[in-house]
Amino acid sequence: MPPIFPQPFNGAPLRSGFSIAVSESKAGQFIRIGLSAAAQELYFGGVLKIESDGLVLELSDVPKDNHLMKVELAGADDPQALPITGGIKGSLSVKLMPWCQIAAGKRSAAELQVVSATAGKSVSLKLPEWARPALVKIGQGKPIMEI
């Protein structure tokens, strides 16, 4: 019988470092997008500073890309930038109003898959089903005479 050479275990697959969760407070339900320190280093070239950095999030209701959320680095003074909050071990988060109908209650953090990235600038993430904006139907929002 030939010898067997065991191989080392490489551990769990690498994580994206981005997460999404739903929480509740006395003021109501909110969505939290989390960003680990490792993801900040990898995608934005360094740890972000709460005082001077912000994030711009972009969603689409177009059928071909409503499953994506673009996260772009911006200055804290950018009018579209959302303020970031510090967390443990260098992580950051952004609290947001829900952009779609979400069932009452909390949802524990789920990892967001990175679809594409532009070094030091932006990252496109795949949203879970419950967080995707509703699709715009043909003619929705237009007077019936314009269809």
Protein backbone atom coordinates (compact mmCIF):
# COMPACT_ATOMS: atom_id res chain seq x y z
CA MET A 1 0.00 0.00 0.00
CA PRO A 2 1.46 3.41 -0.96
CA PRO A 3 2.00 5.95 1.84
CA ILE A 4 -0.62 8.62 2.52
CA PHE A 5 0.61 12.19 2.88
CA PRO A 6 -1.92 14.31 4.82
CA GLN A 7 -2.28 17.92 3.73
CA PRO A 8 -2.61 20.92 6.07
CA PHE A 9 -6.04 22.41 6.67
CA ASN A 10 -6.20 25.95 5.27
CA GLY A 11 -9.13 27.03 7.43
CA ALA A 12 -12.30 28.72 6.39
CA PRO A 13 -12.46 30.55 3.06
CA LEU A 14 -11.57 34.23 3.15
CA ARG A 15 -14.39 36.51 4.15
CA SER A 16 -15.30 39.69 2.29
CA GLY A 17 -15.28 41.86 5.42
CA PHE A 18 -18.64 43.45 4.51
CA SER A 19 -21.84 42.55 6.35
CA ILE A 20 -25.49 43.59 6.50
CA ALA A 21 -27.89 43.31 9.43
CA VAL A 22 -31.24 44.64 10.58
CA SER A 23 -31.64 46.01 14.10
CA GLU A 24 -34.33 47.78 16.04
CA SER A 25 -34.26 50.63 18.51
CA LYS A 26 -36.94 52.75 20.17
CA ALA A 27 -36.77 55.04 17.11
CA GLY A 28 -37.52 52.16 14.72
CA GLN A 29 -35.92 49.59 12.46
CA PHE A 30 -32.59 50.27 10.72
CA ILE A 31 -30.10 48.53 8.45
CA ARG A 32 -26.46 48.35 9.46
CA ILE A 33 -23.69 47.86 6.90
CA GLY A 34 -20.46 46.69 8.56
CA LEU A 35 -16.89 46.90 7.27
CA SER A 36 -13.98 45.10 8.94
CA ALA A 37 -10.53 46.66 9.35
CA ALA A 38 -9.06 44.04 6.97
CA ALA A 39 -11.60 44.96 4.26
CA GLN A 40 -10.80 48.66 4.70
CA GLU A 41 -7.11 47.90 4.13
CA LEU A 42 -7.77 45.63 1.16
CA TYR A 43 -10.37 47.68 -0.72
CA PHE A 44 -9.67 51.27 0.33
CA GLY A 45 -5.91 51.18 0.93
CA GLY A 46 -6.01 51.79 4.68
CA VAL A 47 -8.13 52.13 7.77
CA LEU A 48 -10.77 54.82 7.31
CA LYS A 49 -10.92 57.81 9.66
CA ILE A 50 -14.28 58.61 11.21
CA GLU A 51 -13.58 62.36 11.22
CA SER A 52 -12.53 62.74 7.59
CA ASP A 53 -13.97 59.78 5.64
CA GLY A 54 -17.47 58.79 4.64
CA LEU A 55 -19.11 56.24 2.37
CA VAL A 56 -21.49 56.78 -0.53
CA LEU A 57 -23.86 53.86 -1.10
CA GLU A 58 -25.67 53.44 -4.40
CA LEU A 59 -28.54 51.06 -5.15
CA SER A 60 -30.46 50.51 -8.38
CA ASP A 61 -34.02 49.42 -9.16
CA VAL A 62 -33.04 48.35 -12.70
CA PRO A 63 -33.62 44.57 -13.14
CA LYS A 64 -30.09 43.78 -14.35
CA ASP A 65 -28.37 45.22 -11.28
CA ASN A 66 -30.88 45.58 -8.44
CA HIS A 67 -28.94 42.87 -6.58
CA LEU A 68 -25.85 45.10 -6.33
CA MET A 69 -24.85 47.85 -3.93
CA LYS A 70 -21.93 50.09 -4.78
CA VAL A 71 -19.86 51.33 -1.82
CA GLU A 72 -17.64 54.28 -2.68
CA LEU A 73 -15.10 56.06 -0.49
CA ALA A 74 -15.74 59.79 -0.07
CA GLY A 75 -14.75 62.64 2.17
CA ALA A 76 -16.88 63.34 5.24
CA ASP A 77 -17.75 66.73 3.72
CA ASP A 78 -19.24 65.16 0.54
CA PRO A 79 -23.00 65.91 0.53
CA GLN A 80 -23.85 62.30 -0.39
CA ALA A 81 -21.43 60.73 2.11
CA LEU A 82 -22.92 58.80 4.99
CA PRO A 83 -21.23 59.14 8.36
CA ILE A 84 -19.31 56.11 9.61
CA THR A 85 -19.23 54.85 13.18
CA GLY A 86 -16.32 53.02 14.78
CA GLY A 87 -16.59 49.52 16.20
CA ILE A 88 -14.41 46.87 17.80
CA LYS A 89 -11.02 45.90 16.35
CA GLY A 90 -11.06 48.77 13.83
CA SER A 91 -14.36 47.84 12.20
CA LEU A 92 -16.76 50.51 10.96
CA SER A 93 -20.48 50.63 10.30
CA VAL A 94 -23.11 52.78 8.65
CA LYS A 95 -26.69 52.92 9.95
CA LEU A 96 -29.39 53.41 7.31
CA MET A 97 -33.12 53.79 7.01
CA PRO A 98 -34.61 50.71 5.28
CA TRP A 99 -34.97 51.32 1.52
CA CYS A 100 -37.41 48.44 1.07
CA GLN A 101 -40.14 46.70 3.07
CA ILE A 102 -38.54 44.45 5.72
CA ALA A 103 -40.38 42.08 8.05
CA ALA A 104 -40.50 43.24 11.65
CA GLY A 105 -37.75 42.04 13.94
CA LYS A 106 -34.00 41.74 13.77
CA ARG A 107 -31.83 39.95 11.21
CA SER A 108 -28.40 38.83 12.30
CA ALA A 109 -25.38 39.96 10.30
CA ALA A 110 -24.87 38.24 6.95
CA GLU A 111 -21.75 38.47 4.82
CA LEU A 112 -21.97 40.44 1.57
CA GLN A 113 -20.14 38.94 -1.39
CA VAL A 114 -17.75 41.24 -3.28
CA VAL A 115 -18.63 41.21 -7.00
CA SER A 116 -16.06 43.75 -8.21
CA ALA A 117 -13.72 46.38 -6.82
CA THR A 118 -11.77 49.40 -8.00
CA ALA A 119 -8.64 49.67 -5.87
CA GLY A 120 -8.84 52.46 -3.32
CA LYS A 121 -12.13 53.78 -4.64
CA SER A 122 -15.21 51.53 -4.70
CA VAL A 123 -16.59 48.03 -4.19
CA SER A 124 -19.72 46.38 -5.62
CA LEU A 125 -21.47 43.99 -3.22
CA LYS A 126 -24.19 41.41 -3.81
CA LEU A 127 -27.25 42.05 -1.62
CA PRO A 128 -29.31 39.27 -0.05
CA GLU A 129 -32.86 38.84 -1.42
CA TRP A 130 -34.53 40.69 1.47
CA ALA A 131 -32.38 43.83 0.95
CA ARG A 132 -32.87 44.27 -2.79
CA PRO A 133 -34.85 47.32 -3.96
CA ALA A 134 -38.17 46.62 -5.64
CA LEU A 135 -37.95 46.50 -9.42
CA VAL A 136 -39.53 49.25 -11.48
CA LYS A 137 -42.21 47.80 -13.74
CA ILE A 138 -42.72 49.01 -17.29
CA GLY A 139 -44.72 52.22 -17.18
CA GLN A 140 -44.60 52.49 -13.39
CA GLY A 141 -44.68 56.11 -12.28
CA LYS A 142 -45.88 57.45 -15.65
CA PRO A 143 -49.34 58.64 -16.61
CA ILE A 144 -51.26 55.99 -18.55
CA MET A 145 -51.36 58.21 -21.67
CA GLU A 146 -47.54 58.17 -21.90
CA ILE A 147 -47.19 54.40 -21.99
